[in-house]
Amino acid sequence: MKYLMAIDAGTGSIRAIVFDTLGNQISVSQKEWSHKEEKDVPNSMSFDFKKNWKLTVFCIKNAIKKAKIHPLDILAISATSMREGIVLYDKEGNELWAVANVDARASKEVKYLKENYKGIEEKFYKTSGQTFALGAIPRILWLKNNNLKLYKKVASISMIGDWILAKLSGVIAVDPSNAGTTGIFNLKKRDWEKSMVKKVGLNNIFTPCYETGTVLGKVTPKASKQTTLSKNTKIVSGGGDVQLGSAGLGIVKKNQVAILGGSFWQQIVNIPKDTIPPKDMSIRVNPHVIPELSQAEGITFFSGLVMRWFRDAFCQSEIQEAKEKGIDVYTLLEQKASKIPVGSYEIIPIFSDSMKYGKWYHASPSFLNLSIDANTCNKASIFRSLQENACIVASINLEKIQEFTNINIKEIVFASGASNGELWCQILSDVTGCKIKVPKVKEATALGAAISAGVGAGIYKDIKSASKKLVVWEKEYTPNKKNHKLYKSIKENWIEVYKEQLKLVDKNLTTSMWKAPGL
């Protein structure tokens, strides 16, 4: 038997996953990581490439060990990562500086660009589908303004998944699906738009852009020694987590829809690559890993991370109870939450706003409508309210995409960690009014990266055919009409309440959970 390895550099963790060539997951090794704010750099989110490479090496070695296979049997490796995170290198290919996905340090730079180049964000958005909110140009401009000596050494750029592949192969390159999230990109051409950096006075630091599934090289002797990987294993161009996740879900044709419920939730709809992004800049548009497609995308901030926070901060007794019962703590919490009625006794979570890509910020994290009745306001009801809220915000984002694309959404594929929860799946169906399909392999992002590796290894003809062959469905959920009607009212109420919470941020009475630079 031969195998493929996927490396998934997510917001909250790094994982190495071994698959066989039939798409079956053989082993996984995971380490949580965090991205800290730099001292005296407000709203920054640095990426510690030295520490994080050690974690990556551990996961690779451990995944091989757990799979009980010989490294020679791993044909190819590909990687996927949180988008927007970037790594800058010197001319020798050494890392100089890196930030994670929602680094928002460049507020002054965004304001400078908008004030000195009238209409620049709108113009760039029309070409790239990206605003400055998570873009690379303001961040690189920040580096130039704050560390000119380091900036002058910068010779190339890649995304974080590409960084892992570069560490393994010695080749620094990018793919369209991930590089497109820098905003320095042309959706139609599926390549860098170099005129953008020239216009704002930045250096040309672009690396080759290869389509997902392209062989970059093989494992270097140095990387082989570090990881135990074979020097014969091919290293293959990967992609953004959402786009490769789409391939792992069978979302490879026009008009298909999916929600990936991970640390962030992404709501995605496949559209032709020549589709012009909406004028109001309400959502983002990214290149897909399928060359003829782009994706309209809504994002819900921190849905999975909020659940992790709730678990760690308030559920120690449930963690112990779940351990004694031999089940996952989230399964236990869902069992308790399933006894709570629709609406969670009117508890209103305030975390992520729906997507407003052109002017993106969130209210202060909070819960409203809490009562002092322990029978109704308890961990189970708060847990359910968080599940409901994630689904409500996702639903609002999908409605925005429907308005832009004129696509009538009736079926949604749901995957990643959140889709493990049966209650969460049913709530999503009830909120959206759509059929929800859950794949057998819920870690779709990793499967998508394995598909990419398999294309490079010659196991699969292309991503489309591999996706069709490997994706197997496990469950379907249909909406409860009565609950759907109730959630419509809850959603409308939540929208109005959130507007009021944003006003408190506007008055500097509360602190935004996250605010795009320049606002």
Protein backbone atom coordinates (compact mmCIF):
# COMPACT_ATOMS: atom_id res chain seq x y z
CA MET A 1 0.00 0.00 0.00
CA LYS A 2 1.15 3.52 -0.81
CA TYR A 3 0.27 6.68 1.07
CA LEU A 4 -0.10 10.45 0.82
CA MET A 5 0.51 13.04 3.52
CA ALA A 6 -1.38 16.27 4.07
CA ILE A 7 -0.10 19.02 6.34
CA ASP A 8 -2.73 21.44 7.61
CA ALA A 9 -1.52 24.68 9.18
CA GLY A 10 -4.72 26.04 10.70
CA THR A 11 -5.35 29.04 12.88
CA GLY A 12 -5.42 26.99 16.06
CA SER A 13 -3.21 24.02 15.29
CA ILE A 14 -0.77 22.26 12.97
CA ARG A 15 -1.56 18.73 11.83
CA ALA A 16 0.01 16.02 9.71
CA ILE A 17 -2.43 13.46 8.31
CA VAL A 18 -1.61 10.24 6.47
CA PHE A 19 -4.11 8.94 3.88
CA ASP A 20 -4.02 5.88 1.72
CA THR A 21 -4.56 6.39 -2.02
CA LEU A 22 -8.27 5.53 -1.63
CA GLY A 23 -8.80 8.55 0.60
CA ASN A 24 -8.97 6.69 3.90
CA GLN A 25 -7.43 8.53 6.84
CA ILE A 26 -4.75 6.32 8.41
CA SER A 27 -3.31 8.55 11.13
CA VAL A 28 -3.18 12.10 12.36
CA SER A 29 -0.84 14.01 14.65
CA GLN A 30 -1.84 17.44 15.90
CA LYS A 31 -0.36 20.18 18.04
CA GLU A 32 -2.20 23.30 19.11
CA TRP A 33 -0.38 26.56 18.50
CA SER A 34 -1.10 30.22 19.10
CA HIS A 35 -0.06 33.45 17.43
CA LYS A 36 0.80 36.16 19.90
CA GLU A 37 0.57 39.92 19.76
CA GLU A 38 4.00 41.51 19.50
CA LYS A 39 5.15 43.80 22.27
CA ASP A 40 4.18 47.42 21.59
CA VAL A 41 2.47 46.44 18.30
CA PRO A 42 -1.29 46.66 18.91
CA ASN A 43 -3.55 44.23 17.03
CA SER A 44 -0.58 42.26 15.68
CA MET A 45 -0.61 38.48 15.29
CA SER A 46 2.89 37.22 14.69
CA PHE A 47 3.78 33.80 13.31
CA ASP A 48 6.72 32.20 15.11
CA PHE A 49 8.27 30.24 12.24
CA LYS A 50 11.09 28.80 14.36
CA LYS A 51 8.87 27.35 17.06
CA ASN A 52 6.15 26.37 14.61
CA TRP A 53 8.54 24.48 12.36
CA LYS A 54 9.51 22.33 15.36
CA LEU A 55 5.83 21.58 15.96
CA THR A 56 5.41 20.73 12.27
CA VAL A 57 8.36 18.34 12.36
CA PHE A 58 6.93 16.64 15.44
CA CYS A 59 3.57 16.13 13.75
CA ILE A 60 5.15 14.70 10.59
CA LYS A 61 7.28 12.21 12.53
CA ASN A 62 4.46 11.26 14.87
CA ALA A 63 1.93 10.76 12.07
CA ILE A 64 4.31 8.33 10.36
CA LYS A 65 4.92 6.53 13.63
CA LYS A 66 1.19 6.25 14.42
CA ALA A 67 0.43 5.00 10.89
CA LYS A 68 3.03 2.26 11.33
CA ILE A 69 4.28 2.72 7.79
CA HIS A 70 7.68 3.14 6.19
CA PRO A 71 8.46 6.69 4.99
CA LEU A 72 9.39 5.26 1.58
CA ASP A 73 5.72 4.39 1.10
CA ILE A 74 4.66 8.04 1.27
CA LEU A 75 4.49 9.03 -2.39
CA ALA A 76 3.85 12.73 -2.00
CA ILE A 77 3.08 15.54 0.43
CA SER A 78 1.04 18.68 0.01
CA ALA A 79 0.05 21.40 2.45
CA THR A 80 -2.82 23.70 3.19
CA SER A 81 -3.00 26.61 5.59
CA MET A 82 -4.94 29.47 7.04
CA ARG A 83 -5.15 32.03 4.28
CA GLU A 84 -3.84 35.61 4.53
CA GLY A 85 -0.91 34.60 6.72
CA ILE A 86 2.34 35.50 4.97
CA VAL A 87 6.04 34.70 5.27
CA LEU A 88 8.79 36.95 3.88
CA TYR A 89 12.24 35.62 2.94
CA ASP A 90 15.70 36.95 2.11
CA LYS A 91 17.49 36.15 -1.16
CA GLU A 92 18.93 32.94 0.34
CA GLY A 93 15.44 31.71 1.19
CA ASN A 94 15.72 32.27 4.94
CA GLU A 95 12.61 33.44 6.79
CA LEU A 96 12.72 37.07 7.89
CA TRP A 97 9.25 37.95 9.10
CA ALA A 98 5.83 36.31 9.25
CA VAL A 99 2.30 37.06 10.42
CA ALA A 100 -0.80 34.92 10.91
CA ASN A 101 -4.12 35.39 9.18
CA VAL A 102 -5.93 38.16 11.09
CA ASP A 103 -2.91 40.30 11.90
CA ALA A 104 -4.33 43.84 11.96
CA ARG A 105 -1.31 45.96 12.84
CA ALA A 106 -1.38 48.10 9.71
CA SER A 107 -4.15 50.59 10.55
CA LYS A 108 -2.01 53.64 9.77
CA GLU A 109 -0.89 52.13 6.49
CA VAL A 110 -4.47 51.40 5.41
CA LYS A 111 -5.49 54.97 6.20
CA TYR A 112 -2.45 56.27 4.33
CA LEU A 113 -3.32 54.24 1.24
CA LYS A 114 -6.95 55.35 1.25
CA GLU A 115 -6.12 59.02 1.82
CA ASN A 116 -3.26 59.25 -0.69
CA TYR A 117 -4.59 56.97 -3.44
CA LYS A 118 -8.25 57.84 -3.94
CA GLY A 119 -10.38 54.80 -4.74
CA ILE A 120 -7.40 52.42 -4.54
CA GLU A 121 -9.13 49.82 -2.38
CA GLU A 122 -12.19 49.70 -4.63
CA LYS A 123 -9.99 49.44 -7.73
CA PHE A 124 -7.84 46.66 -6.30
CA TYR A 125 -10.94 44.83 -4.99
CA LYS A 126 -12.47 44.76 -8.46
CA THR A 127 -9.37 42.91 -9.72
CA SER A 128 -8.53 40.76 -6.72
CA GLY A 129 -11.79 40.28 -4.80
CA GLN A 130 -9.97 41.38 -1.62
CA THR A 131 -10.06 44.50 0.52
CA PHE A 132 -7.20 45.80 2.68
CA ALA A 133 -8.78 44.20 5.80
CA LEU A 134 -6.58 41.08 5.66
CA GLY A 135 -4.39 42.04 2.71
CA ALA A 136 -0.63 41.83 2.44
CA ILE A 137 0.09 45.29 1.00
CA PRO A 138 -0.65 47.26 4.21
CA ARG A 139 1.31 44.75 6.30
CA ILE A 140 4.36 44.91 4.06
CA LEU A 141 4.10 48.69 4.04
CA TRP A 142 4.03 48.53 7.87
CA LEU A 143 7.29 46.56 7.81
CA LYS A 144 8.84 49.11 5.49
CA ASN A 145 7.78 51.95 7.77
CA ASN A 146 8.80 50.27 11.03
CA ASN A 147 11.82 48.13 10.15
CA LEU A 148 13.37 49.44 6.95
CA LYS A 149 16.56 47.47 7.49
CA LEU A 150 14.66 44.19 7.54
CA TYR A 151 12.39 45.24 4.69
CA LYS A 152 15.38 45.88 2.43
CA LYS A 153 16.43 42.25 2.87
CA VAL A 154 13.07 40.91 1.65
CA ALA A 155 13.39 39.05 -1.65
CA SER A 156 10.30 36.82 -1.79
CA ILE A 157 6.91 36.10 -0.27
CA SER A 158 4.78 33.03 0.30
CA MET A 159 1.81 31.90 2.32
CA ILE A 160 2.18 29.73 5.43
CA GLY A 161 1.30 26.45 3.72
CA ASP A 162 3.85 27.28 1.02
CA TRP A 163 6.40 27.94 3.75
CA ILE A 164 6.01 24.36 4.98
CA LEU A 165 6.49 23.04 1.45
CA ALA A 166 9.53 25.29 1.04
CA LYS A 167 11.04 23.91 4.25
CA LEU A 168 10.58 20.40 2.86
CA SER A 169 11.60 20.97 -0.78
CA GLY A 170 13.77 24.08 -0.77
CA VAL A 171 11.46 25.66 -3.36
CA ILE A 172 9.57 28.85 -2.51
CA ALA A 173 6.40 29.14 -4.60
CA VAL A 174 2.68 29.86 -4.19
CA ASP A 175 -0.61 28.68 -5.66
CA PRO A 176 -3.55 30.88 -6.79
CA SER A 177 -6.07 29.84 -4.13
CA ASN A 178 -3.90 30.91 -1.19
CA ALA A 179 -1.88 33.71 -2.78
CA GLY A 180 -5.13 35.27 -3.99
CA THR A 181 -5.94 36.19 -0.39
CA THR A 182 -3.01 38.61 -0.28
CA GLY A 183 -5.03 40.97 -2.45
CA ILE A 184 -2.04 41.42 -4.80
CA PHE A 185 -3.69 39.16 -7.32
CA ASN A 186 -5.72 38.98 -10.52
CA LEU A 187 -8.74 36.66 -10.33
CA LYS A 188 -9.07 36.24 -14.08
CA LYS A 189 -5.37 35.68 -14.79
CA ARG A 190 -4.85 33.59 -11.62
CA ASP A 191 -1.47 35.19 -11.03
CA TRP A 192 0.17 38.06 -9.16
CA GLU A 193 -0.91 41.58 -10.12
CA LYS A 194 2.54 43.16 -9.85
CA SER A 195 1.31 46.64 -10.81
CA MET A 196 -0.34 46.93 -7.38
CA VAL A 197 2.89 46.97 -5.39
CA LYS A 198 4.54 49.23 -7.96
CA LYS A 199 1.72 51.73 -7.56
CA VAL A 200 2.25 52.03 -3.78
CA GLY A 201 6.06 52.04 -3.84
CA LEU A 202 6.82 48.51 -2.67
CA ASN A 203 9.44 46.14 -4.04
CA ASN A 204 8.75 43.33 -6.49
CA ILE A 205 9.04 40.27 -4.21
CA PHE A 206 6.95 37.75 -6.10
CA THR A 207 7.60 34.03 -6.28
CA PRO A 208 6.41 31.64 -9.00
CA CYS A 209 2.69 30.84 -8.91
CA TYR A 210 1.81 27.23 -9.75
CA GLU A 211 -1.60 25.60 -9.89
CA THR A 212 -2.50 23.23 -7.07
CA GLY A 213 -1.14 19.73 -7.74
CA THR A 214 2.11 20.88 -9.37
CA VAL A 215 5.25 19.02 -8.28
CA LEU A 216 7.73 21.44 -6.70
CA GLY A 217 10.50 18.95 -6.03
CA LYS A 218 11.39 16.24 -3.53
CA VAL A 219 12.24 16.19 0.17
CA THR A 220 15.68 17.71 0.69
CA PRO A 221 18.39 15.82 2.60
CA LYS A 222 18.12 18.33 5.45
CA ALA A 223 14.34 17.99 5.70
CA SER A 224 14.62 14.21 5.44
CA LYS A 225 16.97 14.14 8.41
CA GLN A 226 14.68 16.39 10.44
CA THR A 227 11.41 14.62 9.68
CA THR A 228 12.37 10.99 8.79
CA LEU A 229 10.66 11.50 5.41
CA SER A 230 12.16 9.80 2.38
CA LYS A 231 14.20 11.91 -0.05
CA ASN A 232 12.14 10.25 -2.82
CA THR A 233 8.84 11.72 -1.59
CA LYS A 234 7.44 14.40 -3.90
CA ILE A 235 6.49 17.83 -2.56
CA VAL A 236 3.39 19.17 -4.31
CA SER A 237 1.85 22.65 -4.50
CA GLY A 238 -1.12 22.93 -2.14
CA GLY A 239 -3.68 25.63 -1.50
CA GLY A 240 -5.83 27.64 0.86
CA ASP A 241 -7.65 25.74 3.58
CA VAL A 242 -11.12 26.65 2.36
CA GLN A 243 -10.45 25.95 -1.30
CA LEU A 244 -8.72 22.62 -0.72
CA GLY A 245 -11.41 21.88 1.83
CA SER A 246 -13.90 22.40 -0.98
CA ALA A 247 -12.12 19.78 -3.08
CA GLY A 248 -12.26 17.43 -0.10
CA LEU A 249 -16.03 17.99 0.01
CA GLY A 250 -16.71 17.48 -3.67
CA ILE A 251 -17.40 21.21 -4.12
CA VAL A 252 -15.70 21.42 -7.51
CA LYS A 253 -18.54 22.50 -9.83
CA LYS A 254 -20.26 25.84 -10.44
CA ASN A 255 -23.02 26.87 -7.97
CA GLN A 256 -22.14 24.29 -5.32
CA VAL A 257 -22.22 25.48 -1.69
CA ALA A 258 -20.36 24.51 1.47
CA ILE A 259 -19.73 25.64 5.02
CA LEU A 260 -16.46 24.76 6.70
CA GLY A 261 -16.93 24.87 10.46
CA GLY A 262 -13.44 25.23 11.90
CA SER A 263 -11.72 27.90 14.01
CA PHE A 264 -13.37 30.36 11.65
CA TRP A 265 -16.48 29.42 9.68
CA GLN A 266 -16.38 29.97 5.93
CA GLN A 267 -19.46 29.96 3.72
CA ILE A 268 -18.53 29.40 0.09
CA VAL A 269 -20.27 29.32 -3.28
CA ASN A 270 -18.51 28.34 -6.52
CA ILE A 271 -18.73 30.92 -9.32
CA PRO A 272 -17.00 31.39 -12.72
CA LYS A 273 -13.52 32.94 -12.42
CA ASP A 274 -14.46 35.94 -14.59
CA THR A 275 -17.28 36.99 -12.23
CA ILE A 276 -16.79 40.62 -11.19
CA PRO A 277 -16.92 41.09 -7.39
CA PRO A 278 -19.91 43.05 -6.01
CA LYS A 279 -19.66 46.85 -5.95
CA ASP A 280 -20.53 47.14 -2.25
CA MET A 281 -17.54 44.96 -1.25
CA SER A 282 -19.78 43.07 1.17
CA ILE A 283 -18.11 39.69 0.61
CA ARG A 284 -14.79 38.45 -0.68
CA VAL A 285 -14.00 36.53 -3.85
CA ASN A 286 -11.10 34.05 -3.98
CA PRO A 287 -9.52 31.84 -6.64
CA HIS A 288 -10.61 28.20 -6.27
CA VAL A 289 -8.18 25.28 -6.69
CA ILE A 290 -10.23 24.46 -9.80
CA PRO A 291 -8.67 26.67 -12.52
CA GLU A 292 -11.94 27.85 -14.12
CA LEU A 293 -13.62 28.76 -10.83
CA SER A 294 -13.55 31.38 -8.11
CA GLN A 295 -15.47 31.33 -4.84
CA ALA A 296 -17.75 33.90 -3.25
CA GLU A 297 -17.07 33.68 0.46
CA GLY A 298 -18.51 34.83 3.72
CA ILE A 299 -16.54 34.48 6.95
CA THR A 300 -17.68 34.12 10.54
CA PHE A 301 -14.93 35.06 12.97
CA PHE A 302 -13.68 32.75 15.72
CA SER A 303 -16.72 30.38 15.87
CA GLY A 304 -14.58 27.35 16.69
CA LEU A 305 -12.18 29.31 18.87
CA VAL A 306 -15.09 30.72 20.89
CA MET A 307 -16.25 27.16 21.55
CA ARG A 308 -12.75 26.20 22.65
CA TRP A 309 -12.66 29.22 24.97
CA PHE A 310 -16.05 28.28 26.44
CA ARG A 311 -14.90 24.69 26.96
CA ASP A 312 -11.64 25.66 28.64
CA ALA A 313 -13.00 28.53 30.73
CA PHE A 314 -16.25 27.04 32.03
CA CYS A 315 -16.50 23.30 31.41
CA GLN A 316 -13.89 21.64 33.60
CA SER A 317 -16.48 19.40 35.27
CA GLU A 318 -17.85 18.39 31.85
CA ILE A 319 -14.33 17.64 30.64
CA GLN A 320 -13.89 15.28 33.59
CA GLU A 321 -17.35 13.74 33.12
CA ALA A 322 -16.68 13.14 29.43
CA LYS A 323 -13.35 11.53 30.25
CA GLU A 324 -15.04 9.15 32.69
CA LYS A 325 -17.66 8.24 30.07
CA GLY A 326 -15.06 7.84 27.34
CA ILE A 327 -16.62 10.42 25.02
CA ASP A 328 -15.61 13.79 23.63
CA VAL A 329 -16.54 16.74 25.83
CA TYR A 330 -18.34 18.43 22.92
CA THR A 331 -20.50 15.31 22.52
CA LEU A 332 -21.43 15.54 26.18
CA LEU A 333 -22.22 19.25 25.92
CA GLU A 334 -24.40 18.58 22.87
CA GLN A 335 -26.30 15.90 24.77
CA LYS A 336 -27.09 18.41 27.47
CA ALA A 337 -27.82 21.22 24.96
CA SER A 338 -30.25 19.04 23.00
CA LYS A 339 -32.66 19.34 25.95
CA ILE A 340 -32.67 23.14 25.62
CA PRO A 341 -35.46 24.61 23.45
CA VAL A 342 -34.92 26.53 20.19
CA GLY A 343 -33.64 30.03 21.01
CA SER A 344 -31.77 28.94 24.15
CA TYR A 345 -34.14 30.84 26.45
CA GLU A 346 -33.48 34.04 24.46
CA ILE A 347 -29.76 34.18 25.28
CA ILE A 348 -28.07 36.37 22.65
CA PRO A 349 -24.35 35.75 22.01
CA ILE A 350 -22.42 38.73 20.64
CA PHE A 351 -19.24 37.62 18.92
CA SER A 352 -18.72 37.68 15.14
CA ASP A 353 -20.75 40.06 13.00
CA SER A 354 -21.95 38.97 9.59
CA MET A 355 -19.48 39.82 6.86
CA LYS A 356 -19.10 43.46 5.89
CA TYR A 357 -15.86 43.15 3.98
CA GLY A 358 -15.55 46.81 3.03
CA LYS A 359 -15.92 48.01 6.63
CA TRP A 360 -15.29 45.06 8.87
CA TYR A 361 -15.31 45.15 12.65
CA HIS A 362 -17.07 43.34 15.45
CA ALA A 363 -18.82 44.26 18.67
CA SER A 364 -17.39 43.49 22.09
CA PRO A 365 -17.72 39.79 22.99
CA SER A 366 -20.66 39.32 25.34
CA PHE A 367 -23.84 37.45 26.18
CA LEU A 368 -27.11 39.34 26.45
CA ASN A 369 -30.44 38.34 28.03
CA LEU A 370 -28.81 36.19 30.68
CA SER A 371 -31.07 35.45 33.64
CA ILE A 372 -30.33 34.44 37.22
CA ASP A 373 -32.50 31.34 36.91
CA ALA A 374 -30.04 28.45 36.91
CA ASN A 375 -32.67 26.14 35.42
CA THR A 376 -32.70 28.11 32.17
CA CYS A 377 -29.42 30.03 32.17
CA ASN A 378 -26.68 27.47 32.51
CA LYS A 379 -23.80 25.93 30.60
CA ALA A 380 -26.07 23.83 28.41
CA SER A 381 -28.22 26.76 27.30
CA ILE A 382 -25.21 29.00 26.71
CA PHE A 383 -23.51 26.24 24.72
CA ARG A 384 -26.59 25.83 22.52
CA SER A 385 -26.84 29.59 22.07
CA LEU A 386 -23.29 29.62 20.69
CA GLN A 387 -24.15 26.85 18.24
CA GLU A 388 -27.26 28.69 17.13
CA ASN A 389 -25.39 31.96 16.77
CA ALA A 390 -22.71 30.45 14.51
CA CYS A 391 -25.45 29.10 12.25
CA ILE A 392 -27.35 32.39 12.22
CA VAL A 393 -24.31 34.42 11.16
CA ALA A 394 -23.45 31.82 8.50
CA SER A 395 -27.02 32.05 7.21
CA ILE A 396 -26.83 35.83 6.92
CA ASN A 397 -23.57 35.58 4.97
CA LEU A 398 -25.10 33.04 2.58
CA GLU A 399 -28.04 35.36 1.98
CA LYS A 400 -25.58 38.10 0.95
CA ILE A 401 -23.89 35.71 -1.46
CA GLN A 402 -27.25 34.64 -2.89
CA GLU A 403 -28.09 38.27 -3.58
CA PHE A 404 -24.77 38.79 -5.39
CA THR A 405 -24.76 35.52 -7.38
CA ASN A 406 -28.51 34.98 -7.92
CA ILE A 407 -28.00 31.35 -6.89
CA ASN A 408 -30.90 29.68 -5.09
CA ILE A 409 -29.27 27.69 -2.31
CA LYS A 410 -31.12 24.52 -1.34
CA GLU A 411 -28.31 22.18 -0.31
CA ILE A 412 -25.20 22.81 1.80
CA VAL A 413 -22.25 20.55 2.42
CA PHE A 414 -21.06 20.94 6.02
CA ALA A 415 -17.62 19.82 7.21
CA SER A 416 -14.66 20.33 9.56
CA GLY A 417 -14.85 20.08 13.33
CA ALA A 418 -18.32 21.52 13.84
CA SER A 419 -19.93 18.93 11.57
CA ASN A 420 -19.05 16.24 14.12
CA GLY A 421 -21.90 17.57 16.24
CA GLU A 422 -25.28 16.08 15.33
CA LEU A 423 -27.13 18.86 17.13
CA TRP A 424 -25.05 21.51 15.37
CA CYS A 425 -25.81 19.95 11.97
CA GLN A 426 -29.55 19.93 12.69
CA ILE A 427 -29.48 23.53 13.94
CA LEU A 428 -27.70 24.58 10.73
CA SER A 429 -30.40 22.87 8.67
CA ASP A 430 -33.17 24.49 10.72
CA VAL A 431 -31.63 27.96 10.55
CA THR A 432 -30.87 27.93 6.81
CA GLY A 433 -33.87 25.91 5.70
CA CYS A 434 -31.52 23.79 3.57
CA LYS A 435 -30.62 20.13 3.34
CA ILE A 436 -27.28 19.57 5.07
CA LYS A 437 -24.93 16.87 3.77
CA VAL A 438 -22.05 15.68 5.93
CA PRO A 439 -19.16 13.73 4.39
CA LYS A 440 -17.67 10.62 5.94
CA VAL A 441 -14.25 12.27 6.05
CA LYS A 442 -15.08 15.42 7.98
CA GLU A 443 -11.53 16.75 7.84
CA ALA A 444 -12.13 17.88 4.29
CA THR A 445 -9.26 20.34 4.23
CA ALA A 446 -6.75 17.60 4.90
CA LEU A 447 -8.38 15.31 2.32
CA GLY A 448 -8.18 18.14 -0.21
CA ALA A 449 -4.45 18.47 0.46
CA ALA A 450 -4.07 14.72 0.09
CA ILE A 451 -5.88 14.92 -3.26
CA SER A 452 -3.42 17.62 -4.34
CA ALA A 453 -0.53 15.36 -3.31
CA GLY A 454 -2.11 12.49 -5.22
CA VAL A 455 -2.43 14.57 -8.39
CA GLY A 456 1.27 15.42 -8.13
CA ALA A 457 2.14 11.77 -7.57
CA GLY A 458 0.15 10.71 -10.62
CA ILE A 459 -2.38 8.73 -8.57
CA TYR A 460 -5.27 10.93 -9.70
CA LYS A 461 -5.84 12.54 -13.10
CA ASP A 462 -6.96 15.86 -11.63
CA ILE A 463 -8.64 17.37 -8.58
CA LYS A 464 -12.18 17.16 -9.97
CA SER A 465 -12.09 13.46 -10.78
CA ALA A 466 -10.32 12.59 -7.52
CA SER A 467 -12.86 14.56 -5.50
CA LYS A 468 -15.75 12.77 -7.20
CA LYS A 469 -14.13 9.41 -6.51
CA LEU A 470 -13.08 9.93 -2.90
CA VAL A 471 -15.85 11.95 -1.25
CA VAL A 472 -18.32 9.66 0.52
CA TRP A 473 -21.42 10.91 2.34
CA GLU A 474 -22.24 9.90 5.88
CA LYS A 475 -25.39 11.77 6.94
CA GLU A 476 -28.07 14.14 5.74
CA TYR A 477 -30.22 16.53 7.76
CA THR A 478 -33.45 18.16 6.63
CA PRO A 479 -34.92 21.31 8.16
CA ASN A 480 -37.71 21.32 10.72
CA LYS A 481 -40.15 23.88 9.26
CA LYS A 482 -41.43 24.99 12.65
CA ASN A 483 -37.89 25.58 13.93
CA HIS A 484 -36.94 27.37 10.68
CA LYS A 485 -39.76 29.84 11.23
CA LEU A 486 -38.64 30.46 14.82
CA TYR A 487 -35.03 30.99 13.74
CA LYS A 488 -36.07 33.57 11.14
CA SER A 489 -37.46 35.72 13.94
CA ILE A 490 -34.43 35.09 16.17
CA LYS A 491 -32.12 36.06 13.30
CA GLU A 492 -33.95 39.33 12.65
CA ASN A 493 -33.77 40.17 16.35
CA TRP A 494 -30.06 39.33 16.50
CA ILE A 495 -29.31 41.65 13.57
CA GLU A 496 -30.96 44.59 15.33
CA VAL A 497 -29.30 43.85 18.67
CA TYR A 498 -25.87 43.56 17.04
CA LYS A 499 -26.30 46.97 15.41
CA GLU A 500 -26.81 48.46 18.86
CA GLN A 501 -23.76 46.66 20.22
CA LEU A 502 -21.64 48.13 17.41
CA LYS A 503 -22.77 51.59 18.47
CA LEU A 504 -21.15 51.00 21.86
CA VAL A 505 -17.86 50.28 20.08
CA ASP A 506 -18.33 53.40 17.95
CA LYS A 507 -18.69 55.46 21.14
CA ASN A 508 -15.55 53.84 22.64
CA LEU A 509 -17.64 52.42 25.48
CA THR A 510 -16.73 48.81 24.64
CA THR A 511 -13.81 47.15 22.84
CA SER A 512 -14.25 45.49 19.45
CA MET A 513 -13.42 41.78 19.31
CA TRP A 514 -11.56 42.46 16.06
CA LYS A 515 -11.33 45.49 13.83
CA ALA A 516 -9.90 45.68 10.33
CA PRO A 517 -6.88 47.97 10.05
CA GLY A 518 -7.70 51.51 9.01
CA LEU A 519 -11.11 51.71 10.71
